């Protein structure tokens, strides 16, 4: 009797193992069917959608290719509109001084740091300026720079109360970190 029980136990375990293996195989087959299109119509629709996406990519690439000469022309126009580095500093300093005077600000400090742009006919100039005046004057100054024929990028600015007036309603001190561009010599 004990021998029949162990044989019966082994048969039950083997049957159970076969059932689990069949269940796993059916689950994998079911998952594969669920993830792929079921009918040729669905597969055709999916392939048409993929074709439409590829055609849209081709149209965008052709549009970019067609607009490339105009883009190059605009870039060349921009580069030629930049001031040459030989007298650019003095004209920028003069323009900033005039804008500050017009806005009733005082420029306390103005520094330049020039770096060449590789493979381009341009230099990038980092500028740090410290201005002091009323808040509305600072806004007028920034608006003047924004409307300037020269390109100024204001990277960052920090505002503090003027060191001589701590009441909160007097002049402010603004440190500006800006960039502009020059044509290389």
Protein backbone atom coordinates (compact mmCIF):
# COMPACT_ATOMS: atom_id res chain seq x y z
CA UNK A 1 0.00 0.00 0.00
CA UNK A 2 2.69 2.61 0.84
CA UNK A 3 4.28 1.81 -2.47
CA UNK A 4 1.06 2.50 -4.36
CA UNK A 5 0.71 5.82 -2.51
CA UNK A 6 4.18 7.07 -3.59
CA UNK A 7 3.49 6.03 -7.17
CA UNK A 8 0.13 7.75 -7.03
CA UNK A 9 1.76 10.83 -5.48
CA UNK A 10 4.35 10.96 -8.29
CA UNK A 11 1.66 10.62 -10.94
CA UNK A 12 -0.34 13.45 -9.39
CA UNK A 13 2.75 15.70 -9.20
CA UNK A 14 3.70 14.89 -12.81
CA UNK A 15 0.15 15.62 -13.97
CA UNK A 16 0.13 18.86 -12.01
CA UNK A 17 3.50 19.85 -13.56
CA UNK A 18 2.17 19.14 -17.05
CA UNK A 19 -0.95 21.22 -16.34
CA UNK A 20 1.15 24.17 -15.07
CA UNK A 21 3.46 23.94 -18.13
CA UNK A 22 0.43 23.85 -20.46
CA UNK A 23 -1.10 26.81 -18.63
CA UNK A 24 2.12 28.84 -19.03
CA UNK A 25 2.32 27.93 -22.73
CA UNK A 26 -1.30 28.96 -23.30
CA UNK A 27 -0.77 32.23 -21.41
CA UNK A 28 2.27 33.06 -23.59
CA UNK A 29 0.32 32.21 -26.74
CA UNK A 30 -2.63 34.34 -25.58
CA UNK A 31 -0.33 37.28 -24.80
CA UNK A 32 1.29 37.01 -28.24
CA UNK A 33 -2.14 37.03 -29.90
CA UNK A 34 -3.27 40.02 -27.85
CA UNK A 35 -0.19 42.08 -28.73
CA UNK A 36 -0.34 41.50 -32.50
CA UNK A 37 -3.15 42.48 -34.87
CA UNK A 38 -5.84 39.84 -35.03
CA UNK A 39 -7.08 40.35 -38.54
CA UNK A 40 -5.51 41.37 -41.83
CA UNK A 41 -7.68 44.52 -41.72
CA UNK A 42 -6.17 45.57 -38.41
CA UNK A 43 -2.68 44.82 -39.65
CA UNK A 44 -3.34 46.83 -42.83
CA UNK A 45 -4.64 49.75 -40.78
CA UNK A 46 -1.55 49.66 -38.57
CA UNK A 47 0.76 49.57 -41.61
CA UNK A 48 -1.13 52.46 -43.25
CA UNK A 49 -0.76 54.48 -40.07
CA UNK A 50 2.98 53.78 -40.07
CA UNK A 51 3.16 54.76 -43.76
CA UNK A 52 1.32 58.04 -43.04
CA UNK A 53 3.79 58.83 -40.26
CA UNK A 54 6.73 58.15 -42.58
CA UNK A 55 5.20 60.34 -45.31
CA UNK A 56 4.69 63.15 -42.79
CA UNK A 57 8.36 62.86 -41.78
CA UNK A 58 9.38 63.08 -45.43
CA UNK A 59 7.18 66.18 -45.95
CA UNK A 60 8.75 67.86 -42.90
CA UNK A 61 12.24 67.05 -44.17
CA UNK A 62 11.37 68.45 -47.62
CA UNK A 63 9.95 71.62 -46.03
CA UNK A 64 13.16 72.06 -44.03
CA UNK A 65 15.25 71.49 -47.18
CA UNK A 66 13.13 74.01 -49.11
CA UNK A 67 13.42 76.65 -46.35
CA UNK A 68 17.17 76.13 -45.86
CA UNK A 69 18.30 78.83 -48.36
CA UNK A 70 16.05 81.43 -46.67
CA UNK A 71 17.34 80.34 -43.26
CA UNK A 72 20.95 80.67 -44.42
CA UNK A 73 20.17 84.08 -45.87
CA UNK A 74 18.62 85.18 -42.56
CA UNK A 75 21.66 83.90 -40.64
CA UNK A 76 24.02 85.76 -42.97
CA UNK A 77 21.90 88.91 -42.58
CA UNK A 78 22.09 88.54 -38.80
CA UNK A 79 25.86 88.04 -38.85
CA UNK A 80 26.35 91.10 -41.06
CA UNK A 81 24.12 93.19 -38.77
CA UNK A 82 26.51 92.61 -35.86
CA UNK A 83 29.03 95.26 -34.97
CA UNK A 84 32.67 94.45 -35.69
CA UNK A 85 34.68 93.64 -32.59
CA UNK A 86 37.15 96.45 -33.41
CA UNK A 87 34.76 99.24 -32.35
CA UNK A 88 31.88 97.23 -30.88
CA UNK A 89 32.88 97.76 -27.24
CA UNK A 90 32.79 101.53 -27.43
CA UNK A 91 29.45 101.57 -29.25
CA UNK A 92 27.91 99.13 -26.76
CA UNK A 93 29.23 101.11 -23.78
CA UNK A 94 27.90 104.33 -25.37
CA UNK A 95 24.49 102.77 -26.03
CA UNK A 96 24.21 101.37 -22.49
CA UNK A 97 25.24 104.75 -21.06
CA UNK A 98 22.65 106.57 -23.20
CA UNK A 99 19.93 104.08 -22.24
CA UNK A 100 20.82 104.44 -18.56
CA UNK A 101 20.82 108.25 -18.81
CA UNK A 102 17.45 108.23 -20.60
CA UNK A 103 16.03 105.98 -17.86
CA UNK A 104 17.58 108.10 -15.04
CA UNK A 105 19.91 105.31 -13.92
CA UNK A 106 23.54 105.34 -12.95
CA UNK A 107 25.89 102.64 -14.29
CA UNK A 108 28.31 101.85 -11.48
CA UNK A 109 30.23 99.05 -13.16
CA UNK A 110 30.48 97.62 -16.68
CA UNK A 111 32.77 94.75 -17.65
CA UNK A 112 33.20 92.75 -20.84
CA UNK A 113 34.55 89.26 -21.45
CA UNK A 114 34.92 88.11 -25.07
CA UNK A 115 35.00 84.50 -26.32
CA UNK A 116 35.24 83.29 -29.89
CA UNK A 117 32.60 80.97 -31.29
CA UNK A 118 34.34 78.07 -33.07
CA UNK A 119 33.71 77.71 -36.83
CA UNK A 120 31.73 80.95 -36.93
CA UNK A 121 32.63 84.47 -37.84
CA UNK A 122 31.38 85.69 -34.46
CA UNK A 123 32.46 86.41 -30.91
CA UNK A 124 30.21 86.20 -27.87
CA UNK A 125 30.67 88.95 -25.31
CA UNK A 126 29.57 88.41 -21.71
CA UNK A 127 28.74 91.70 -20.00
CA UNK A 128 28.22 92.44 -16.35
CA UNK A 129 26.67 95.77 -15.48
CA UNK A 130 25.63 97.23 -12.15
CA UNK A 131 23.01 99.98 -12.30
CA UNK A 132 21.44 102.02 -9.52
CA UNK A 133 18.14 103.90 -9.61
CA UNK A 134 14.42 103.65 -9.06
CA UNK A 135 12.62 100.43 -9.95
CA UNK A 136 10.62 102.06 -12.75
CA UNK A 137 13.88 103.39 -14.20
CA UNK A 138 15.31 99.88 -14.26
CA UNK A 139 12.23 98.65 -16.14
CA UNK A 140 12.58 101.53 -18.65
CA UNK A 141 16.28 100.68 -19.09
CA UNK A 142 15.50 97.01 -19.79
CA UNK A 143 12.73 97.98 -22.25
CA UNK A 144 15.19 100.24 -24.08
CA UNK A 145 17.67 97.37 -24.35
CA UNK A 146 14.92 95.10 -25.63
CA UNK A 147 14.03 97.56 -28.39
CA UNK A 148 17.64 98.23 -29.34
CA UNK A 149 18.94 97.47 -32.82
CA UNK A 150 21.73 95.52 -31.09
CA UNK A 151 21.06 92.08 -29.68
CA UNK A 152 21.22 91.85 -25.89
CA UNK A 153 20.46 88.64 -24.01
CA UNK A 154 19.80 89.22 -20.33
CA UNK A 155 20.91 85.97 -18.70
CA UNK A 156 20.28 86.95 -15.11
CA UNK A 157 19.66 89.92 -12.90
CA UNK A 158 19.65 90.39 -9.19
CA UNK A 159 18.01 93.26 -7.37
CA UNK A 160 18.96 94.58 -3.94
CA UNK A 161 18.11 97.72 -2.05
CA UNK A 162 20.74 100.43 -2.37
CA UNK A 163 23.26 100.15 0.47
CA UNK A 164 22.65 103.77 1.54
CA UNK A 165 18.88 103.45 1.81
CA UNK A 166 17.50 100.48 3.77
CA UNK A 167 13.91 101.74 4.10
CA UNK A 168 12.68 99.68 1.15
CA UNK A 169 11.18 102.51 -0.91
CA UNK A 170 14.34 104.09 -2.33
CA UNK A 171 16.69 103.28 -5.15
CA UNK A 172 17.57 99.73 -6.05
CA UNK A 173 20.84 98.25 -7.19
CA UNK A 174 20.60 95.78 -10.10
CA UNK A 175 23.38 93.50 -11.26
CA UNK A 176 22.80 92.43 -14.88
CA UNK A 177 24.51 89.52 -16.62
CA UNK A 178 24.06 89.97 -20.36
CA UNK A 179 25.43 88.73 -23.66
CA UNK A 180 25.88 90.32 -27.03
CA UNK A 181 27.64 89.29 -30.23
CA UNK A 182 30.31 90.85 -32.45
CA UNK A 183 31.63 90.01 -35.88
CA UNK A 184 35.16 88.71 -35.70
CA UNK A 185 37.88 90.72 -37.39
